[in-house]
């Protein structure tokens, strides 16, 4: 009888502990920030980035899903708008010290459904720390454009070819694309309108 009672008590304690754990949010390795930029109605003479707005910083899996489900899907964006997900503390601008010497991997999508899928797969890979070179990654941008929607994965050290190639290969696998994806340096983009890609996978 005593053993049965002890088993029941133990069972109740374990069930309570499991329920308590389920209630606790699942913390991520680091904080991330969503940004929004609507360039469809730029003010005359306004500098780039003036319409960029910090939307929300999150640090748990639960916050991420709530935000993604309610708001942050590229297919909900108006034309010429961007969603960004960057590590907290990094602004999605070339001028940010973390991005200044970096570059970006880019892929174009002609279908909204495709863009949503690639965006979500990328977000989950970033917050789930699936990249070996995670410290090299600044964030990702989804851009809705008339000539084709784009996804760009921003990284920190453009000249570190080994790291960039590792990130490019991994990202291509994550978003499941077969065509070539290209990498450009931010420095080149600042200087020239038509930028040559430096790496591709």
N, C-alpha and C. Protein backbone atom coordinates (compact mmCIF):
# COMPACT_ATOMS: atom_id res chain seq x y z
N UNK A 1 0.83 -1.20 0.00
CA UNK A 1 0.00 0.00 0.00
C UNK A 1 0.87 1.26 0.00
N UNK A 2 1.89 1.24 0.88
CA UNK A 2 2.78 2.40 0.99
C UNK A 2 3.47 2.64 -0.34
N UNK A 3 3.88 1.52 -1.00
CA UNK A 3 4.57 1.64 -2.29
C UNK A 3 3.64 2.25 -3.34
N UNK A 4 2.37 1.80 -3.34
CA UNK A 4 1.41 2.34 -4.29
C UNK A 4 1.21 3.84 -4.09
N UNK A 5 1.09 4.23 -2.82
CA UNK A 5 0.91 5.65 -2.49
C UNK A 5 2.13 6.45 -2.93
N UNK A 6 3.31 5.89 -2.67
CA UNK A 6 4.55 6.58 -3.06
C UNK A 6 4.62 6.74 -4.58
N UNK A 7 4.22 5.68 -5.31
CA UNK A 7 4.23 5.73 -6.78
C UNK A 7 3.27 6.80 -7.28
N UNK A 8 2.09 6.86 -6.65
CA UNK A 8 1.10 7.87 -7.05
C UNK A 8 1.64 9.29 -6.83
N UNK A 9 2.27 9.48 -5.65
CA UNK A 9 2.83 10.80 -5.31
C UNK A 9 3.93 11.16 -6.32
N UNK A 10 4.82 10.19 -6.60
CA UNK A 10 5.90 10.42 -7.56
C UNK A 10 5.33 10.77 -8.93
N UNK A 11 4.33 10.01 -9.34
CA UNK A 11 3.67 10.26 -10.64
C UNK A 11 3.10 11.67 -10.70
N UNK A 12 2.46 12.10 -9.62
CA UNK A 12 1.86 13.43 -9.56
C UNK A 12 2.93 14.52 -9.63
N UNK A 13 4.04 14.29 -8.92
CA UNK A 13 5.15 15.26 -8.92
C UNK A 13 5.75 15.38 -10.32
N UNK A 14 5.95 14.23 -10.99
CA UNK A 14 6.52 14.23 -12.34
C UNK A 14 5.57 14.95 -13.30
N UNK A 15 4.26 14.64 -13.22
CA UNK A 15 3.27 15.28 -14.09
C UNK A 15 3.26 16.79 -13.90
N UNK A 16 3.38 17.22 -12.64
CA UNK A 16 3.39 18.65 -12.33
C UNK A 16 4.64 19.31 -12.92
N UNK A 17 5.78 18.62 -12.78
CA UNK A 17 7.04 19.16 -13.30
C UNK A 17 6.98 19.29 -14.82
N UNK A 18 6.41 18.27 -15.49
CA UNK A 18 6.29 18.29 -16.95
C UNK A 18 5.38 19.45 -17.38
N UNK A 19 4.25 19.60 -16.68
CA UNK A 19 3.31 20.69 -16.99
C UNK A 19 3.98 22.05 -16.80
N UNK A 20 4.78 22.18 -15.74
CA UNK A 20 5.47 23.44 -15.45
C UNK A 20 6.49 23.76 -16.54
N UNK A 21 7.22 22.72 -16.97
CA UNK A 21 8.22 22.90 -18.03
C UNK A 21 7.55 23.33 -19.33
N UNK A 22 6.40 22.72 -19.62
CA UNK A 22 5.67 23.05 -20.85
C UNK A 22 5.23 24.51 -20.86
N UNK A 23 4.96 25.05 -19.68
CA UNK A 23 4.50 26.44 -19.58
C UNK A 23 5.63 27.44 -19.79
N UNK A 24 6.86 27.03 -19.47
CA UNK A 24 8.00 27.94 -19.58
C UNK A 24 8.36 28.16 -21.05
N UNK A 25 8.59 29.41 -21.44
CA UNK A 25 8.95 29.67 -22.83
C UNK A 25 10.31 29.06 -23.17
N UNK A 26 10.47 28.71 -24.44
CA UNK A 26 11.73 28.12 -24.90
C UNK A 26 12.65 29.23 -25.41
N UNK A 27 13.67 29.53 -24.59
CA UNK A 27 14.60 30.62 -24.92
C UNK A 27 15.49 30.24 -26.10
N UNK A 28 15.77 31.24 -26.92
CA UNK A 28 16.68 31.06 -28.04
C UNK A 28 18.10 31.38 -27.58
N UNK A 29 19.08 30.98 -28.39
CA UNK A 29 20.49 31.25 -28.09
C UNK A 29 20.75 32.75 -27.98
N UNK A 30 20.05 33.53 -28.83
CA UNK A 30 20.25 34.98 -28.85
C UNK A 30 18.94 35.67 -29.20
N UNK A 31 18.91 36.99 -28.99
CA UNK A 31 17.72 37.77 -29.34
C UNK A 31 17.78 38.16 -30.82
N UNK A 32 16.60 38.28 -31.41
CA UNK A 32 16.48 38.67 -32.82
C UNK A 32 15.47 39.81 -32.93
N UNK A 33 15.65 40.65 -33.96
CA UNK A 33 14.74 41.78 -34.16
C UNK A 33 14.16 41.77 -35.57
N UNK A 34 12.84 41.93 -35.66
CA UNK A 34 12.18 42.11 -36.95
C UNK A 34 12.17 43.61 -37.27
N UNK A 35 12.42 43.93 -38.51
CA UNK A 35 12.38 45.31 -39.01
C UNK A 35 11.44 45.35 -40.21
N UNK A 36 10.87 46.53 -40.47
CA UNK A 36 9.98 46.70 -41.62
C UNK A 36 10.38 47.96 -42.36
N UNK A 37 10.35 47.89 -43.67
CA UNK A 37 10.71 49.04 -44.49
C UNK A 37 9.77 49.10 -45.68
N UNK A 38 9.03 50.19 -45.81
CA UNK A 38 8.12 50.36 -46.94
C UNK A 38 8.62 51.51 -47.80
N UNK A 39 9.23 51.15 -48.94
CA UNK A 39 9.82 52.16 -49.82
C UNK A 39 8.88 52.56 -50.94
N UNK A 40 7.61 52.13 -50.86
CA UNK A 40 6.69 52.41 -51.96
C UNK A 40 6.33 53.89 -52.06
N UNK A 41 6.41 54.60 -50.93
CA UNK A 41 6.09 56.04 -50.97
C UNK A 41 7.22 56.85 -50.33
N UNK A 42 8.40 56.86 -50.95
CA UNK A 42 9.49 57.62 -50.33
C UNK A 42 9.23 59.12 -50.41
N UNK A 43 9.61 59.82 -49.38
CA UNK A 43 9.48 61.29 -49.38
C UNK A 43 10.55 61.85 -50.31
N UNK A 44 10.21 62.92 -50.98
CA UNK A 44 11.14 63.56 -51.92
C UNK A 44 12.47 63.86 -51.24
N UNK A 45 13.56 63.34 -51.81
CA UNK A 45 14.89 63.63 -51.29
C UNK A 45 15.24 62.92 -49.99
N UNK A 46 14.38 61.99 -49.54
CA UNK A 46 14.66 61.28 -48.28
C UNK A 46 15.81 60.31 -48.49
N UNK A 47 16.69 60.23 -47.51
CA UNK A 47 17.84 59.31 -47.58
C UNK A 47 17.34 57.88 -47.41
N UNK A 48 18.11 56.92 -48.00
CA UNK A 48 17.72 55.52 -47.85
C UNK A 48 17.72 55.16 -46.37
N UNK A 49 16.76 54.36 -45.96
CA UNK A 49 16.71 53.89 -44.58
C UNK A 49 15.84 54.74 -43.68
N UNK A 50 15.33 55.87 -44.20
CA UNK A 50 14.51 56.74 -43.34
C UNK A 50 13.15 56.10 -43.05
N UNK A 51 12.72 55.17 -43.92
CA UNK A 51 11.43 54.51 -43.68
C UNK A 51 11.60 53.18 -42.92
N UNK A 52 12.85 52.84 -42.59
CA UNK A 52 13.14 51.60 -41.87
C UNK A 52 12.68 51.72 -40.42
N UNK A 53 11.90 50.75 -39.96
CA UNK A 53 11.35 50.77 -38.60
C UNK A 53 11.64 49.46 -37.87
N UNK A 54 12.11 49.60 -36.63
CA UNK A 54 12.29 48.41 -35.79
C UNK A 54 10.89 47.99 -35.34
N UNK A 55 10.53 46.73 -35.58
CA UNK A 55 9.17 46.29 -35.27
C UNK A 55 9.08 45.56 -33.94
N UNK A 56 9.94 44.55 -33.72
CA UNK A 56 9.81 43.76 -32.50
C UNK A 56 11.06 42.93 -32.25
N UNK A 57 11.52 42.90 -31.01
CA UNK A 57 12.64 42.04 -30.63
C UNK A 57 12.09 40.89 -29.81
N UNK A 58 12.52 39.67 -30.14
CA UNK A 58 12.02 38.49 -29.42
C UNK A 58 13.18 37.59 -29.00
N UNK A 59 12.92 36.74 -28.01
CA UNK A 59 13.97 35.82 -27.55
C UNK A 59 13.45 34.44 -27.21
N UNK A 60 12.18 34.13 -27.56
CA UNK A 60 11.67 32.78 -27.31
C UNK A 60 11.02 32.23 -28.58
N UNK A 61 10.93 30.92 -28.64
CA UNK A 61 10.29 30.24 -29.77
C UNK A 61 8.83 30.67 -29.87
N UNK A 62 8.17 30.77 -28.73
CA UNK A 62 6.75 31.12 -28.70
C UNK A 62 6.51 32.53 -29.26
N UNK A 63 7.37 33.48 -28.89
CA UNK A 63 7.22 34.85 -29.42
C UNK A 63 7.40 34.85 -30.93
N UNK A 64 8.38 34.08 -31.39
CA UNK A 64 8.64 34.01 -32.82
C UNK A 64 7.40 33.55 -33.58
N UNK A 65 6.80 32.44 -33.13
CA UNK A 65 5.65 31.89 -33.86
C UNK A 65 4.46 32.83 -33.83
N UNK A 66 4.26 33.48 -32.71
CA UNK A 66 3.16 34.44 -32.59
C UNK A 66 3.35 35.57 -33.60
N UNK A 67 4.56 36.11 -33.68
CA UNK A 67 4.86 37.21 -34.60
C UNK A 67 4.75 36.76 -36.05
N UNK A 68 5.32 35.59 -36.34
CA UNK A 68 5.32 35.11 -37.72
C UNK A 68 3.89 34.86 -38.20
N UNK A 69 3.13 34.15 -37.41
CA UNK A 69 1.76 33.81 -37.81
C UNK A 69 0.89 35.04 -38.02
N UNK A 70 1.06 36.03 -37.18
CA UNK A 70 0.19 37.21 -37.24
C UNK A 70 0.65 38.25 -38.27
N UNK A 71 1.96 38.40 -38.42
CA UNK A 71 2.44 39.57 -39.17
C UNK A 71 3.48 39.27 -40.25
N UNK A 72 4.55 38.62 -39.88
CA UNK A 72 5.76 38.66 -40.70
C UNK A 72 5.86 37.61 -41.80
N UNK A 73 4.90 37.63 -42.73
CA UNK A 73 4.99 36.79 -43.93
C UNK A 73 5.14 37.71 -45.13
N UNK A 74 6.13 37.47 -45.96
CA UNK A 74 6.35 38.36 -47.11
C UNK A 74 5.14 38.49 -48.03
N UNK A 75 4.32 37.45 -48.14
CA UNK A 75 3.16 37.53 -49.05
C UNK A 75 2.14 38.57 -48.59
N UNK A 76 2.27 39.04 -47.34
CA UNK A 76 1.37 40.07 -46.82
C UNK A 76 1.91 41.48 -47.09
N UNK A 77 3.12 41.56 -47.63
CA UNK A 77 3.76 42.86 -47.84
C UNK A 77 3.23 43.57 -49.08
N UNK A 78 3.14 44.91 -49.02
CA UNK A 78 2.83 45.67 -50.23
C UNK A 78 4.07 45.68 -51.14
N UNK A 79 3.90 46.08 -52.40
CA UNK A 79 5.04 46.16 -53.32
C UNK A 79 6.09 47.12 -52.80
N UNK A 80 7.36 46.83 -53.09
CA UNK A 80 8.50 47.68 -52.69
C UNK A 80 8.73 47.72 -51.19
N UNK A 81 8.23 46.73 -50.45
CA UNK A 81 8.45 46.70 -49.00
C UNK A 81 9.39 45.55 -48.65
N UNK A 82 10.01 45.68 -47.47
CA UNK A 82 10.96 44.66 -47.00
C UNK A 82 10.65 44.27 -45.57
N UNK A 83 10.85 42.97 -45.28
CA UNK A 83 10.91 42.49 -43.90
C UNK A 83 12.36 42.10 -43.66
N UNK A 84 12.86 42.40 -42.47
CA UNK A 84 14.23 42.02 -42.10
C UNK A 84 14.16 41.26 -40.78
N UNK A 85 14.99 40.26 -40.65
CA UNK A 85 15.21 39.64 -39.33
C UNK A 85 16.72 39.69 -39.11
N UNK A 86 17.15 40.49 -38.12
CA UNK A 86 18.57 40.63 -37.83
C UNK A 86 18.83 40.33 -36.35
N UNK A 87 20.06 39.94 -36.05
CA UNK A 87 20.42 39.75 -34.65
C UNK A 87 20.17 41.05 -33.91
N UNK A 88 19.65 40.96 -32.69
CA UNK A 88 19.38 42.16 -31.90
C UNK A 88 20.67 42.96 -31.76
N UNK A 89 20.58 44.27 -31.95
CA UNK A 89 21.76 45.12 -31.84
C UNK A 89 22.41 45.43 -33.18
N UNK A 90 21.98 44.72 -34.25
CA UNK A 90 22.51 45.00 -35.59
C UNK A 90 21.40 45.62 -36.43
N UNK A 91 21.67 46.79 -37.01
CA UNK A 91 20.68 47.41 -37.89
C UNK A 91 20.89 46.91 -39.32
N UNK A 92 19.80 46.67 -40.05
CA UNK A 92 19.95 46.18 -41.43
C UNK A 92 20.38 47.29 -42.40
N UNK A 93 21.58 47.82 -42.16
CA UNK A 93 22.13 48.90 -42.99
C UNK A 93 23.60 48.61 -43.25
N UNK A 94 24.08 49.03 -44.41
CA UNK A 94 25.51 48.87 -44.72
C UNK A 94 26.37 49.58 -43.70
N UNK A 95 25.84 50.68 -43.14
CA UNK A 95 26.65 51.50 -42.23
C UNK A 95 26.83 50.87 -40.85
N UNK A 96 26.00 49.89 -40.50
CA UNK A 96 26.14 49.26 -39.19
C UNK A 96 27.53 48.61 -39.12
N UNK A 97 28.27 48.82 -38.01
CA UNK A 97 29.63 48.26 -37.90
C UNK A 97 29.70 46.75 -38.16
N UNK A 98 28.65 46.02 -37.80
CA UNK A 98 28.66 44.56 -38.01
C UNK A 98 28.49 44.20 -39.49
N UNK A 99 27.88 45.10 -40.26
CA UNK A 99 27.61 44.82 -41.68
C UNK A 99 28.60 45.50 -42.62
N UNK A 100 29.30 46.52 -42.13
CA UNK A 100 30.13 47.40 -42.97
C UNK A 100 31.10 46.66 -43.88
N UNK A 101 31.72 45.57 -43.40
CA UNK A 101 32.69 44.83 -44.22
C UNK A 101 32.11 43.54 -44.78
N UNK A 102 30.80 43.49 -44.81
CA UNK A 102 30.13 42.25 -45.22
C UNK A 102 29.61 42.26 -46.64
N UNK A 103 28.68 41.35 -46.84
CA UNK A 103 28.06 41.18 -48.14
C UNK A 103 26.79 40.37 -47.97
N UNK A 104 26.26 39.87 -49.11
CA UNK A 104 25.01 39.10 -49.00
C UNK A 104 24.88 38.04 -50.09
N UNK A 105 24.30 36.93 -49.68
CA UNK A 105 23.88 35.89 -50.61
C UNK A 105 22.48 36.26 -51.05
N UNK A 106 22.16 36.11 -52.35
CA UNK A 106 20.83 36.50 -52.85
C UNK A 106 20.20 35.41 -53.69
N UNK A 107 18.87 35.36 -53.58
CA UNK A 107 18.09 34.44 -54.41
C UNK A 107 16.79 35.16 -54.80
N UNK A 108 16.34 34.95 -56.04
CA UNK A 108 15.12 35.59 -56.53
C UNK A 108 14.01 34.55 -56.63
N UNK A 109 12.78 35.00 -56.35
CA UNK A 109 11.63 34.11 -56.43
C UNK A 109 10.52 34.79 -57.21
N UNK A 110 9.90 34.06 -58.13
CA UNK A 110 8.82 34.66 -58.92
C UNK A 110 7.44 34.30 -58.39
N UNK A 111 7.42 33.57 -57.28
CA UNK A 111 6.13 33.19 -56.71
C UNK A 111 6.08 33.50 -55.23
N UNK A 112 5.01 34.15 -54.79
CA UNK A 112 4.86 34.55 -53.38
C UNK A 112 4.94 33.34 -52.45
N UNK A 113 4.30 32.23 -52.86
CA UNK A 113 4.29 31.03 -52.01
C UNK A 113 5.72 30.57 -51.76
N UNK A 114 6.52 30.61 -52.83
CA UNK A 114 7.92 30.23 -52.75
C UNK A 114 8.68 31.11 -51.79
N UNK A 115 8.46 32.42 -51.90
CA UNK A 115 9.15 33.39 -51.05
C UNK A 115 8.81 33.13 -49.58
N UNK A 116 7.53 32.92 -49.28
CA UNK A 116 7.09 32.64 -47.91
C UNK A 116 7.79 31.40 -47.36
N UNK A 117 7.86 30.36 -48.17
CA UNK A 117 8.48 29.10 -47.73
C UNK A 117 9.98 29.29 -47.47
N UNK A 118 10.67 29.92 -48.41
CA UNK A 118 12.12 30.12 -48.25
C UNK A 118 12.40 31.03 -47.06
N UNK A 119 11.59 32.06 -46.87
CA UNK A 119 11.72 32.99 -45.75
C UNK A 119 11.58 32.23 -44.43
N UNK A 120 10.52 31.44 -44.31
CA UNK A 120 10.29 30.71 -43.06
C UNK A 120 11.41 29.71 -42.79
N UNK A 121 11.83 28.97 -43.81
CA UNK A 121 12.92 28.00 -43.63
C UNK A 121 14.19 28.71 -43.16
N UNK A 122 14.45 29.90 -43.72
CA UNK A 122 15.64 30.67 -43.34
C UNK A 122 15.53 31.16 -41.90
N UNK A 123 14.35 31.70 -41.54
CA UNK A 123 14.16 32.19 -40.17
C UNK A 123 14.38 31.07 -39.16
N UNK A 124 13.80 29.90 -39.44
CA UNK A 124 13.95 28.78 -38.49
C UNK A 124 15.40 28.33 -38.39
N UNK A 125 16.11 28.36 -39.52
CA UNK A 125 17.54 27.98 -39.50
C UNK A 125 18.36 28.99 -38.69
N UNK A 126 18.02 30.27 -38.81
CA UNK A 126 18.76 31.30 -38.07
C UNK A 126 18.50 31.21 -36.57
N UNK A 127 17.22 31.23 -36.18
CA UNK A 127 16.94 31.22 -34.74
C UNK A 127 17.27 29.87 -34.11
N UNK A 128 17.30 28.82 -34.95
CA UNK A 128 17.65 27.48 -34.46
C UNK A 128 19.14 27.21 -34.53
N UNK A 129 19.92 28.23 -34.91
CA UNK A 129 21.39 28.14 -34.96
C UNK A 129 21.87 26.95 -35.80
N UNK A 130 21.33 26.81 -37.01
CA UNK A 130 21.69 25.67 -37.87
C UNK A 130 22.94 25.90 -38.72
N UNK A 131 23.44 27.12 -38.76
CA UNK A 131 24.64 27.40 -39.55
C UNK A 131 25.89 27.20 -38.70
N UNK A 132 26.90 26.51 -39.25
CA UNK A 132 28.17 26.34 -38.52
C UNK A 132 28.84 27.69 -38.30
N UNK A 133 28.67 28.59 -39.26
CA UNK A 133 29.29 29.92 -39.19
C UNK A 133 28.28 30.95 -38.67
N UNK A 134 27.48 30.58 -37.67
CA UNK A 134 26.40 31.45 -37.17
C UNK A 134 26.88 32.84 -36.77
N UNK A 135 28.11 32.94 -36.24
CA UNK A 135 28.63 34.25 -35.82
C UNK A 135 28.90 35.18 -36.99
N UNK A 136 29.01 34.60 -38.18
CA UNK A 136 29.26 35.39 -39.40
C UNK A 136 27.99 35.99 -39.96
N UNK A 137 26.84 35.50 -39.53
CA UNK A 137 25.56 35.94 -40.11
C UNK A 137 24.99 37.13 -39.35
N UNK A 138 24.55 38.14 -40.11
CA UNK A 138 23.93 39.35 -39.52
C UNK A 138 22.41 39.21 -39.52
N UNK A 139 21.85 38.76 -40.63
CA UNK A 139 20.41 38.63 -40.73
C UNK A 139 19.96 38.34 -42.15
N UNK A 140 18.64 38.40 -42.36
CA UNK A 140 18.06 38.09 -43.67
C UNK A 140 17.00 39.14 -44.03
N UNK A 141 16.87 39.40 -45.32
CA UNK A 141 15.90 40.39 -45.82
C UNK A 141 15.02 39.76 -46.89
N UNK A 142 13.70 39.94 -46.75
CA UNK A 142 12.75 39.52 -47.80
C UNK A 142 12.25 40.80 -48.45
N UNK A 143 12.39 40.88 -49.77
CA UNK A 143 12.00 42.09 -50.51
C UNK A 143 10.96 41.75 -51.56
N UNK A 144 9.83 42.45 -51.51
CA UNK A 144 8.77 42.24 -52.50
C UNK A 144 8.94 43.29 -53.60
N UNK A 145 9.19 42.79 -54.82
CA UNK A 145 9.43 43.69 -55.96
C UNK A 145 8.65 43.20 -57.18
N UNK A 146 8.31 44.15 -58.06
CA UNK A 146 7.53 43.81 -59.24
C UNK A 146 8.28 42.86 -60.17
N UNK A 147 9.58 43.08 -60.30
CA UNK A 147 10.38 42.26 -61.24
C UNK A 147 10.79 40.92 -60.66
N UNK A 148 10.36 40.61 -59.46
CA UNK A 148 10.74 39.35 -58.81
C UNK A 148 11.12 39.60 -57.37
N UNK A 149 10.53 38.83 -56.48
CA UNK A 149 10.82 38.98 -55.06
C UNK A 149 12.21 38.43 -54.76
N UNK A 150 12.83 38.98 -53.71
CA UNK A 150 14.20 38.58 -53.39
C UNK A 150 14.36 38.24 -51.92
N UNK A 151 15.29 37.35 -51.67
CA UNK A 151 15.69 37.02 -50.31
C UNK A 151 17.21 37.22 -50.28
N UNK A 152 17.70 37.90 -49.24
CA UNK A 152 19.15 38.15 -49.12
C UNK A 152 19.61 37.83 -47.71
N UNK A 153 20.64 37.00 -47.63
CA UNK A 153 21.23 36.62 -46.34
C UNK A 153 22.50 37.44 -46.15
N UNK A 154 22.48 38.36 -45.17
CA UNK A 154 23.61 39.25 -44.93
C UNK A 154 24.62 38.61 -44.00
N UNK A 155 25.91 38.79 -44.36
CA UNK A 155 26.98 38.24 -43.52
C UNK A 155 27.99 39.35 -43.18
N UNK A 156 28.89 39.03 -42.28
CA UNK A 156 29.76 40.02 -41.64
C UNK A 156 31.09 40.29 -42.35
N UNK A 157 31.78 39.23 -42.78
CA UNK A 157 33.13 39.40 -43.33
C UNK A 157 33.18 38.88 -44.75
N UNK A 158 32.95 39.77 -45.70
CA UNK A 158 32.86 39.38 -47.11
C UNK A 158 34.12 38.68 -47.62
N UNK A 159 35.28 39.12 -47.14
CA UNK A 159 36.54 38.58 -47.65
C UNK A 159 36.87 37.17 -47.11
N UNK A 160 36.12 36.71 -46.12
CA UNK A 160 36.34 35.36 -45.58
C UNK A 160 35.62 34.36 -46.49
N UNK A 161 36.27 34.03 -47.60
CA UNK A 161 35.63 33.20 -48.63
C UNK A 161 35.19 31.84 -48.10
N UNK A 162 36.02 31.21 -47.28
CA UNK A 162 35.67 29.88 -46.76
C UNK A 162 34.36 29.92 -45.97
N UNK A 163 34.23 30.92 -45.11
CA UNK A 163 33.01 31.06 -44.30
C UNK A 163 31.81 31.34 -45.21
N UNK A 164 31.99 32.24 -46.18
CA UNK A 164 30.88 32.61 -47.07
C UNK A 164 30.41 31.41 -47.89
N UNK A 165 31.36 30.63 -48.39
CA UNK A 165 31.00 29.46 -49.19
C UNK A 165 30.26 28.43 -48.34
N UNK A 166 30.70 28.27 -47.09
CA UNK A 166 30.02 27.35 -46.17
C UNK A 166 28.59 27.79 -45.92
N UNK A 167 28.41 29.10 -45.69
CA UNK A 167 27.07 29.65 -45.45
C UNK A 167 26.20 29.50 -46.69
N UNK A 168 26.77 29.83 -47.86
CA UNK A 168 26.03 29.74 -49.12
C UNK A 168 25.53 28.34 -49.40
N UNK A 169 26.42 27.35 -49.24
CA UNK A 169 26.03 25.95 -49.48
C UNK A 169 24.92 25.51 -48.53
N UNK A 170 25.09 25.85 -47.26
CA UNK A 170 24.10 25.47 -46.25
C UNK A 170 22.75 26.14 -46.53
N UNK A 171 22.78 27.43 -46.86
CA UNK A 171 21.54 28.16 -47.11
C UNK A 171 20.80 27.59 -48.32
N UNK A 172 21.57 27.27 -49.36
CA UNK A 172 20.98 26.71 -50.58
C UNK A 172 20.24 25.40 -50.26
N UNK A 173 20.86 24.62 -49.40
CA UNK A 173 20.25 23.35 -48.95
C UNK A 173 18.98 23.63 -48.12
N UNK A 174 19.03 24.61 -47.24
CA UNK A 174 17.90 24.95 -46.36
C UNK A 174 16.69 25.43 -47.17
N UNK A 175 16.95 26.32 -48.16
CA UNK A 175 15.82 26.87 -48.92
C UNK A 175 15.48 26.00 -50.13
N UNK A 176 16.26 24.94 -50.34
CA UNK A 176 15.96 23.94 -51.35
C UNK A 176 15.85 24.53 -52.76
N UNK A 177 16.90 25.27 -53.17
CA UNK A 177 16.92 25.78 -54.54
C UNK A 177 17.99 25.05 -55.34
N UNK A 178 17.72 24.87 -56.63
CA UNK A 178 18.68 24.15 -57.47
C UNK A 178 19.51 25.12 -58.31
N UNK A 179 18.91 26.30 -58.64
CA UNK A 179 19.68 27.26 -59.45
C UNK A 179 20.78 27.90 -58.61
N UNK A 180 21.71 28.54 -59.32
CA UNK A 180 22.86 29.16 -58.68
C UNK A 180 22.44 30.35 -57.80
N UNK A 181 23.06 30.46 -56.63
CA UNK A 181 22.85 31.66 -55.81
C UNK A 181 24.19 32.41 -55.75
N UNK A 182 24.11 33.75 -55.64
CA UNK A 182 25.31 34.56 -55.76
C UNK A 182 25.56 35.40 -54.51
N UNK A 183 26.83 35.75 -54.35
CA UNK A 183 27.26 36.57 -53.21
C UNK A 183 27.89 37.86 -53.72
N UNK A 184 27.45 39.00 -53.17
CA UNK A 184 28.04 40.29 -53.53
C UNK A 184 28.56 40.98 -52.27
N UNK A 185 29.59 41.82 -52.46
CA UNK A 185 30.15 42.60 -51.36
C UNK A 185 29.35 43.90 -51.22
N UNK A 186 29.06 44.32 -50.00
CA UNK A 186 28.38 45.60 -49.78
C UNK A 186 29.21 46.76 -50.36
N UNK A 187 30.54 46.68 -50.24
CA UNK A 187 31.43 47.73 -50.75
C UNK A 187 31.22 47.95 -52.25
N UNK A 188 31.08 46.84 -53.00
CA UNK A 188 30.84 46.94 -54.45
C UNK A 188 29.48 47.59 -54.70
N UNK A 189 28.48 47.19 -53.93
CA UNK A 189 27.13 47.71 -54.11
C UNK A 189 27.07 49.21 -53.85
N UNK A 190 27.88 49.68 -52.92
CA UNK A 190 27.90 51.12 -52.61
C UNK A 190 28.47 51.92 -53.78
N UNK A 191 29.43 51.32 -54.49
CA UNK A 191 30.14 52.05 -55.54
C UNK A 191 29.49 51.95 -56.92
N UNK A 192 28.92 50.77 -57.22
CA UNK A 192 28.42 50.54 -58.58
C UNK A 192 26.95 50.14 -58.58
N UNK A 193 26.29 50.46 -59.71
CA UNK A 193 24.88 50.10 -59.84
C UNK A 193 24.73 48.62 -60.21
N UNK A 194 25.48 48.18 -61.21
CA UNK A 194 25.41 46.76 -61.57
C UNK A 194 26.62 46.06 -60.94
N UNK A 195 26.33 45.24 -59.97
CA UNK A 195 27.41 44.63 -59.18
C UNK A 195 27.68 43.20 -59.62
N UNK A 196 28.96 42.90 -59.81
CA UNK A 196 29.34 41.52 -60.15
C UNK A 196 29.35 40.66 -58.89
N UNK A 197 28.92 39.42 -59.04
CA UNK A 197 28.97 38.53 -57.88
C UNK A 197 30.40 38.07 -57.65
N UNK A 198 30.79 37.92 -56.40
CA UNK A 198 32.16 37.52 -56.06
C UNK A 198 32.24 36.00 -55.88
N UNK A 199 31.20 35.42 -55.30
CA UNK A 199 31.16 33.96 -55.10
C UNK A 199 29.80 33.47 -55.59
N UNK A 200 29.76 32.18 -55.94
CA UNK A 200 28.45 31.57 -56.19
C UNK A 200 28.49 30.08 -55.91
N UNK A 201 27.32 29.54 -55.56
CA UNK A 201 27.22 28.09 -55.29
C UNK A 201 25.99 27.54 -56.00
